[in-house]
Amino acid sequence: MKQRILTGWTFSRALYAFMGIAIIIQSVVQHEWIGILLGGYLAAMGVFGFGCAAGNCFGGSCNTKNPSEYSKID
């Protein structure tokens, strides 16, 4: 867990963490408590590196087989 938090930081991951923390702070200041959930989710994505903050939503990181690779039943 410690290694996951401390390594692999990208611009998008830092942006998620920063925006999540900013939303949490702004929500507390304005007493909009539901905003803490949104900010907490975004901050967690950035800090722990899951979801789109880790770059898993694009870029071909999903392994799929081509239709020609499926075994055919004769």
PDB file of N, CA and C in Angstrom:
ATOM      1  N   MET A   1       0.838  -1.188   0.000  1.00  0.00           N
ATOM      2  CA  MET A   1       0.000   0.000   0.000  1.00  0.00           C
ATOM      3  C   MET A   1       0.883   1.251   0.000  1.00  0.00           C
ATOM      4  N   LYS A   2       1.907   1.239   0.829  1.00  0.00           N
ATOM      5  CA  LYS A   2       2.802   2.403   0.909  1.00  0.00           C
ATOM      6  C   LYS A   2       3.471   2.669  -0.439  1.00  0.00           C
ATOM      7  N   GLN A   3       3.899   1.593  -1.107  1.00  0.00           N
ATOM      8  CA  GLN A   3       4.546   1.747  -2.406  1.00  0.00           C
ATOM      9  C   GLN A   3       3.563   2.299  -3.433  1.00  0.00           C
ATOM     10  N   ARG A   4       2.314   1.848  -3.388  1.00  0.00           N
ATOM     11  CA  ARG A   4       1.303   2.327  -4.338  1.00  0.00           C
ATOM     12  C   ARG A   4       1.035   3.819  -4.149  1.00  0.00           C
ATOM     13  N   ILE A   5       1.057   4.296  -2.919  1.00  0.00           N
ATOM     14  CA  ILE A   5       0.810   5.709  -2.640  1.00  0.00           C
ATOM     15  C   ILE A   5       2.006   6.569  -3.045  1.00  0.00           C
ATOM     16  N   LEU A   6       3.212   6.080  -2.819  1.00  0.00           N
ATOM     17  CA  LEU A   6       4.398   6.902  -3.032  1.00  0.00           C
ATOM     18  C   LEU A   6       4.968   6.857  -4.443  1.00  0.00           C
ATOM     19  N   THR A   7       4.585   5.877  -5.267  1.00  0.00           N
ATOM     20  CA  THR A   7       5.172   5.758  -6.603  1.00  0.00           C
ATOM     21  C   THR A   7       4.098   5.854  -7.679  1.00  0.00           C
ATOM     22  N   GLY A   8       4.530   6.096  -8.896  1.00  0.00           N
ATOM     23  CA  GLY A   8       3.650   6.088 -10.050  1.00  0.00           C
ATOM     24  C   GLY A   8       2.804   7.339 -10.216  1.00  0.00           C
ATOM     25  N   TRP A   9       3.269   8.461  -9.696  1.00  0.00           N
ATOM     26  CA  TRP A   9       2.489   9.699  -9.797  1.00  0.00           C
ATOM     27  C   TRP A   9       2.602  10.283 -11.197  1.00  0.00           C
ATOM     28  N   THR A  10       1.453  10.617 -11.766  1.00  0.00           N
ATOM     29  CA  THR A  10       1.392  11.291 -13.055  1.00  0.00           C
ATOM     30  C   THR A  10       0.670  12.620 -12.849  1.00  0.00           C
ATOM     31  N   PHE A  11       0.640  13.419 -13.896  1.00  0.00           N
ATOM     32  CA  PHE A  11      -0.042  14.700 -13.803  1.00  0.00           C
ATOM     33  C   PHE A  11      -1.521  14.506 -13.488  1.00  0.00           C
ATOM     34  N   SER A  12      -2.159  13.574 -14.172  1.00  0.00           N
ATOM     35  CA  SER A  12      -3.595  13.369 -13.949  1.00  0.00           C
ATOM     36  C   SER A  12      -3.873  12.856 -12.541  1.00  0.00           C
ATOM     37  N   ARG A  13      -3.019  12.006 -12.019  1.00  0.00           N
ATOM     38  CA  ARG A  13      -3.202  11.498 -10.656  1.00  0.00           C
ATOM     39  C   ARG A  13      -3.065  12.625  -9.636  1.00  0.00           C
ATOM     40  N   ALA A  14      -2.071  13.482  -9.817  1.00  0.00           N
ATOM     41  CA  ALA A  14      -1.895  14.626  -8.925  1.00  0.00           C
ATOM     42  C   ALA A  14      -3.066  15.594  -9.043  1.00  0.00           C
ATOM     43  N   LEU A  15      -3.576  15.773 -10.255  1.00  0.00           N
ATOM     44  CA  LEU A  15      -4.717  16.653 -10.471  1.00  0.00           C
ATOM     45  C   LEU A  15      -5.958  16.123  -9.755  1.00  0.00           C
ATOM     46  N   TYR A  16      -6.206  14.820  -9.846  1.00  0.00           N
ATOM     47  CA  TYR A  16      -7.334  14.224  -9.130  1.00  0.00           C
ATOM     48  C   TYR A  16      -7.202  14.443  -7.629  1.00  0.00           C
ATOM     49  N   ALA A  17      -6.012  14.207  -7.080  1.00  0.00           N
ATOM     50  CA  ALA A  17      -5.805  14.379  -5.649  1.00  0.00           C
ATOM     51  C   ALA A  17      -5.998  15.838  -5.237  1.00  0.00           C
ATOM     52  N   PHE A  18      -5.421  16.756  -6.001  1.00  0.00           N
ATOM     53  CA  PHE A  18      -5.528  18.174  -5.684  1.00  0.00           C
ATOM     54  C   PHE A  18      -6.972  18.656  -5.771  1.00  0.00           C
ATOM     55  N   MET A  19      -7.665  18.300  -6.847  1.00  0.00           N
ATOM     56  CA  MET A  19      -9.056  18.731  -7.010  1.00  0.00           C
ATOM     57  C   MET A  19      -9.959  18.117  -5.942  1.00  0.00           C
ATOM     58  N   GLY A  20      -9.709  16.870  -5.584  1.00  0.00           N
ATOM     59  CA  GLY A  20     -10.499  16.235  -4.535  1.00  0.00           C
ATOM     60  C   GLY A  20     -10.337  16.936  -3.198  1.00  0.00           C
ATOM     61  N   ILE A  21      -9.107  17.271  -2.851  1.00  0.00           N
ATOM     62  CA  ILE A  21      -8.846  17.980  -1.596  1.00  0.00           C
ATOM     63  C   ILE A  21      -9.464  19.373  -1.638  1.00  0.00           C
ATOM     64  N   ALA A  22      -9.363  20.047  -2.791  1.00  0.00           N
ATOM     65  CA  ALA A  22      -9.955  21.382  -2.931  1.00  0.00           C
ATOM     66  C   ALA A  22     -11.477  21.320  -2.777  1.00  0.00           C
ATOM     67  N   ILE A  23     -12.109  20.305  -3.348  1.00  0.00           N
ATOM     68  CA  ILE A  23     -13.564  20.162  -3.226  1.00  0.00           C
ATOM     69  C   ILE A  23     -13.957  19.873  -1.782  1.00  0.00           C
ATOM     70  N   ILE A  24     -13.186  19.054  -1.092  1.00  0.00           N
ATOM     71  CA  ILE A  24     -13.464  18.774   0.329  1.00  0.00           C
ATOM     72  C   ILE A  24     -13.388  20.052   1.148  1.00  0.00           C
ATOM     73  N   ILE A  25     -12.331  20.827   0.962  1.00  0.00           N
ATOM     74  CA  ILE A  25     -12.160  22.071   1.722  1.00  0.00           C
ATOM     75  C   ILE A  25     -13.292  23.042   1.421  1.00  0.00           C
ATOM     76  N   GLN A  26     -13.611  23.214   0.137  1.00  0.00           N
ATOM     77  CA  GLN A  26     -14.680  24.130  -0.241  1.00  0.00           C
ATOM     78  C   GLN A  26     -16.030  23.671   0.300  1.00  0.00           C
ATOM     79  N   SER A  27     -16.270  22.379   0.317  1.00  0.00           N
ATOM     80  CA  SER A  27     -17.535  21.842   0.837  1.00  0.00           C
ATOM     81  C   SER A  27     -17.670  22.088   2.335  1.00  0.00           C
ATOM     82  N   VAL A  28     -16.585  21.933   3.067  1.00  0.00           N
ATOM     83  CA  VAL A  28     -16.619  22.175   4.511  1.00  0.00           C
ATOM     84  C   VAL A  28     -16.856  23.659   4.799  1.00  0.00           C
ATOM     85  N   VAL A  29     -16.173  24.530   4.056  1.00  0.00           N
ATOM     86  CA  VAL A  29     -16.316  25.969   4.268  1.00  0.00           C
ATOM     87  C   VAL A  29     -17.752  26.422   4.004  1.00  0.00           C
ATOM     88  N   GLN A  30     -18.380  25.872   2.958  1.00  0.00           N
ATOM     89  CA  GLN A  30     -19.731  26.290   2.596  1.00  0.00           C
ATOM     90  C   GLN A  30     -20.820  25.406   3.211  1.00  0.00           C
ATOM     91  N   HIS A  31     -20.436  24.476   4.071  1.00  0.00           N
ATOM     92  CA  HIS A  31     -21.369  23.578   4.754  1.00  0.00           C
ATOM     93  C   HIS A  31     -22.207  22.757   3.777  1.00  0.00           C
ATOM     94  N   GLU A  32     -21.610  22.365   2.682  1.00  0.00           N
ATOM     95  CA  GLU A  32     -22.247  21.482   1.703  1.00  0.00           C
ATOM     96  C   GLU A  32     -21.672  20.084   1.919  1.00  0.00           C
ATOM     97  N   TRP A  33     -22.262  19.363   2.836  1.00  0.00           N
ATOM     98  CA  TRP A  33     -21.665  18.124   3.310  1.00  0.00           C
ATOM     99  C   TRP A  33     -21.649  17.014   2.262  1.00  0.00           C
ATOM    100  N   ILE A  34     -22.570  17.034   1.318  1.00  0.00           N
ATOM    101  CA  ILE A  34     -22.571  16.010   0.278  1.00  0.00           C
ATOM    102  C   ILE A  34     -21.349  16.147  -0.629  1.00  0.00           C
ATOM    103  N   GLY A  35     -20.801  17.356  -0.736  1.00  0.00           N
ATOM    104  CA  GLY A  35     -19.608  17.575  -1.540  1.00  0.00           C
ATOM    105  C   GLY A  35     -18.382  16.865  -0.994  1.00  0.00           C
ATOM    106  N   ILE A  36     -18.395  16.555   0.294  1.00  0.00           N
ATOM    107  CA  ILE A  36     -17.274  15.824   0.893  1.00  0.00           C
ATOM    108  C   ILE A  36     -17.173  14.432   0.285  1.00  0.00           C
ATOM    109  N   LEU A  37     -18.316  13.825  -0.034  1.00  0.00           N
ATOM    110  CA  LEU A  37     -18.287  12.502  -0.661  1.00  0.00           C
ATOM    111  C   LEU A  37     -17.656  12.562  -2.050  1.00  0.00           C
ATOM    112  N   LEU A  38     -18.046  13.552  -2.835  1.00  0.00           N
ATOM    113  CA  LEU A  38     -17.465  13.712  -4.166  1.00  0.00           C
ATOM    114  C   LEU A  38     -15.969  14.008  -4.069  1.00  0.00           C
ATOM    115  N   GLY A  39     -15.612  14.941  -3.214  1.00  0.00           N
ATOM    116  CA  GLY A  39     -14.197  15.278  -3.048  1.00  0.00           C
ATOM    117  C   GLY A  39     -13.389  14.117  -2.489  1.00  0.00           C
ATOM    118  N   GLY A  40     -13.986  13.365  -1.579  1.00  0.00           N
ATOM    119  CA  GLY A  40     -13.299  12.204  -1.012  1.00  0.00           C
ATOM    120  C   GLY A  40     -13.038  11.135  -2.055  1.00  0.00           C
ATOM    121  N   TYR A  41     -14.029  10.938  -2.928  1.00  0.00           N
ATOM    122  CA  TYR A  41     -13.861   9.950  -3.995  1.00  0.00           C
ATOM    123  C   TYR A  41     -12.743  10.370  -4.946  1.00  0.00           C
ATOM    124  N   LEU A  42     -12.746  11.623  -5.375  1.00  0.00           N
ATOM    125  CA  LEU A  42     -11.701  12.102  -6.287  1.00  0.00           C
ATOM    126  C   LEU A  42     -10.322  12.069  -5.630  1.00  0.00           C
ATOM    127  N   ALA A  43     -10.259  12.482  -4.363  1.00  0.00           N
ATOM    128  CA  ALA A  43      -8.979  12.468  -3.654  1.00  0.00           C
ATOM    129  C   ALA A  43      -8.461  11.042  -3.491  1.00  0.00           C
ATOM    130  N   ALA A  44      -9.358  10.106  -3.187  1.00  0.00           N
ATOM    131  CA  ALA A  44      -8.941   8.706  -3.037  1.00  0.00           C
ATOM    132  C   ALA A  44      -8.435   8.142  -4.360  1.00  0.00           C
ATOM    133  N   MET A  45      -9.092   8.520  -5.471  1.00  0.00           N
ATOM    134  CA  MET A  45      -8.618   8.066  -6.779  1.00  0.00           C
ATOM    135  C   MET A  45      -7.194   8.556  -7.028  1.00  0.00           C
ATOM    136  N   GLY A  46      -6.925   9.794  -6.660  1.00  0.00           N
ATOM    137  CA  GLY A  46      -5.589  10.337  -6.876  1.00  0.00           C
ATOM    138  C   GLY A  46      -4.557   9.754  -5.935  1.00  0.00           C
ATOM    139  N   VAL A  47      -4.876   9.672  -4.667  1.00  0.00           N
ATOM    140  CA  VAL A  47      -3.897   9.209  -3.674  1.00  0.00           C
ATOM    141  C   VAL A  47      -3.589   7.725  -3.847  1.00  0.00           C
ATOM    142  N   PHE A  48      -4.620   6.914  -4.037  1.00  0.00           N
ATOM    143  CA  PHE A  48      -4.416   5.474  -4.113  1.00  0.00           C
ATOM    144  C   PHE A  48      -4.223   4.968  -5.540  1.00  0.00           C
ATOM    145  N   GLY A  49      -4.425   5.818  -6.531  1.00  0.00           N
ATOM    146  CA  GLY A  49      -4.136   5.464  -7.918  1.00  0.00           C
ATOM    147  C   GLY A  49      -5.026   4.376  -8.485  1.00  0.00           C
ATOM    148  N   PHE A  50      -6.332   4.541  -8.378  1.00  0.00           N
ATOM    149  CA  PHE A  50      -7.242   3.592  -9.014  1.00  0.00           C
ATOM    150  C   PHE A  50      -8.156   4.325  -9.969  1.00  0.00           C
ATOM    151  N   GLY A  51      -8.830   3.584 -10.826  1.00  0.00           N
ATOM    152  CA  GLY A  51      -9.742   4.194 -11.789  1.00  0.00           C
ATOM    153  C   GLY A  51      -9.009   4.992 -12.839  1.00  0.00           C
ATOM    154  N   CYS A  52      -9.631   6.043 -13.275  1.00  0.00           N
ATOM    155  CA  CYS A  52      -9.054   6.875 -14.341  1.00  0.00           C
ATOM    156  C   CYS A  52      -7.802   7.615 -13.883  1.00  0.00           C
ATOM    157  N   ALA A  53      -7.636   7.829 -12.596  1.00  0.00           N
ATOM    158  CA  ALA A  53      -6.445   8.524 -12.102  1.00  0.00           C
ATOM    159  C   ALA A  53      -5.187   7.702 -12.333  1.00  0.00           C
ATOM    160  N   ALA A  54      -5.326   6.407 -12.464  1.00  0.00           N
ATOM    161  CA  ALA A  54      -4.173   5.548 -12.721  1.00  0.00           C
ATOM    162  C   ALA A  54      -3.923   5.367 -14.211  1.00  0.00           C
ATOM    163  N   GLY A  55      -4.778   5.956 -15.048  1.00  0.00           N
ATOM    164  CA  GLY A  55      -4.615   5.844 -16.487  1.00  0.00           C
ATOM    165  C   GLY A  55      -5.187   4.565 -17.061  1.00  0.00           C
ATOM    166  N   ASN A  56      -6.086   3.919 -16.345  1.00  0.00           N
ATOM    167  CA  ASN A  56      -6.650   2.657 -16.815  1.00  0.00           C
ATOM    168  C   ASN A  56      -7.889   2.825 -17.675  1.00  0.00           C
ATOM    169  N   CYS A  57      -8.337   4.039 -17.901  1.00  0.00           N
ATOM    170  CA  CYS A  57      -9.560   4.245 -18.677  1.00  0.00           C
ATOM    171  C   CYS A  57      -9.299   4.383 -20.166  1.00  0.00           C
ATOM    172  N   PHE A  58      -8.069   4.493 -20.567  1.00  0.00           N
ATOM    173  CA  PHE A  58      -7.748   4.664 -21.977  1.00  0.00           C
ATOM    174  C   PHE A  58      -6.337   4.159 -22.217  1.00  0.00           C
ATOM    175  N   GLY A  59      -5.931   4.151 -23.434  1.00  0.00           N
ATOM    176  CA  GLY A  59      -4.546   3.816 -23.758  1.00  0.00           C
ATOM    177  C   GLY A  59      -4.293   2.358 -24.041  1.00  0.00           C
ATOM    178  N   GLY A  60      -5.330   1.545 -24.202  1.00  0.00           N
ATOM    179  CA  GLY A  60      -5.132   0.150 -24.548  1.00  0.00           C
ATOM    180  C   GLY A  60      -4.688  -0.722 -23.396  1.00  0.00           C
ATOM    181  N   SER A  61      -4.987  -0.339 -22.172  1.00  0.00           N
ATOM    182  CA  SER A  61      -4.566  -1.145 -21.035  1.00  0.00           C
ATOM    183  C   SER A  61      -5.477  -2.338 -20.802  1.00  0.00           C
ATOM    184  N   CYS A  62      -6.603  -2.388 -21.510  1.00  0.00           N
ATOM    185  CA  CYS A  62      -7.504  -3.536 -21.398  1.00  0.00           C
ATOM    186  C   CYS A  62      -7.057  -4.604 -22.388  1.00  0.00           C
ATOM    187  N   ASN A  63      -6.857  -5.795 -21.915  1.00  0.00           N
ATOM    188  CA  ASN A  63      -6.447  -6.884 -22.791  1.00  0.00           C
ATOM    189  C   ASN A  63      -7.680  -7.599 -23.317  1.00  0.00           C
ATOM    190  N   THR A  64      -7.915  -7.511 -24.589  1.00  0.00           N
ATOM    191  CA  THR A  64      -9.014  -8.226 -25.221  1.00  0.00           C
ATOM    192  C   THR A  64      -8.466  -9.041 -26.373  1.00  0.00           C
ATOM    193  N   LYS A  65      -9.128 -10.138 -26.661  1.00  0.00           N
ATOM    194  CA  LYS A  65      -8.691 -10.994 -27.752  1.00  0.00           C
ATOM    195  C   LYS A  65      -9.382 -10.575 -29.036  1.00  0.00           C
ATOM    196  N   ASN A  66      -8.682 -10.733 -30.130  1.00  0.00           N
ATOM    197  CA  ASN A  66      -9.280 -10.530 -31.440  1.00  0.00           C
ATOM    198  C   ASN A  66     -10.206 -11.706 -31.735  1.00  0.00           C
ATOM    199  N   PRO A  67     -11.246 -11.489 -32.505  1.00  0.00           N
ATOM    200  CA  PRO A  67     -12.146 -12.598 -32.837  1.00  0.00           C
ATOM    201  C   PRO A  67     -11.426 -13.773 -33.502  1.00  0.00           C
ATOM    202  N   SER A  68     -10.339 -13.515 -34.222  1.00  0.00           N
ATOM    203  CA  SER A  68      -9.613 -14.592 -34.887  1.00  0.00           C
ATOM    204  C   SER A  68      -8.838 -15.463 -33.902  1.00  0.00           C
ATOM    205  N   GLU A  69      -8.639 -14.989 -32.676  1.00  0.00           N
ATOM    206  CA  GLU A  69      -7.887 -15.745 -31.676  1.00  0.00           C
ATOM    207  C   GLU A  69      -8.760 -16.736 -30.911  1.00  0.00           C
ATOM    208  N   TYR A  70     -10.069 -16.617 -31.029  1.00  0.00           N
ATOM    209  CA  TYR A  70     -10.959 -17.548 -30.340  1.00  0.00           C
ATOM    210  C   TYR A  70     -10.856 -18.920 -30.987  1.00  0.00           C
ATOM    211  N   SER A  71     -10.929 -19.924 -30.178  1.00  0.00           N
ATOM    212  CA  SER A  71     -10.897 -21.272 -30.734  1.00  0.00           C
ATOM    213  C   SER A  71     -12.235 -21.596 -31.372  1.00  0.00           C
ATOM    214  N   LYS A  72     -12.192 -22.143 -32.544  1.00  0.00           N
ATOM    215  CA  LYS A  72     -13.401 -22.484 -33.270  1.00  0.00           C
ATOM    216  C   LYS A  72     -13.766 -23.936 -32.994  1.00  0.00           C
ATOM    217  N   ILE A  73     -15.047 -24.158 -32.859  1.00  0.00           N
ATOM    218  CA  ILE A  73     -15.525 -25.518 -32.657  1.00  0.00           C
ATOM    219  C   ILE A  73     -15.848 -26.096 -34.032  1.00  0.00           C
ATOM    220  N   ASP A  74     -15.221 -27.223 -34.362  1.00  0.00           N
ATOM    221  CA  ASP A  74     -15.450 -27.867 -35.672  1.00  0.00           C
ATOM    222  C   ASP A  74     -16.611 -28.804 -35.615  1.00  0.00           C
TER     223      ASP A  74
END
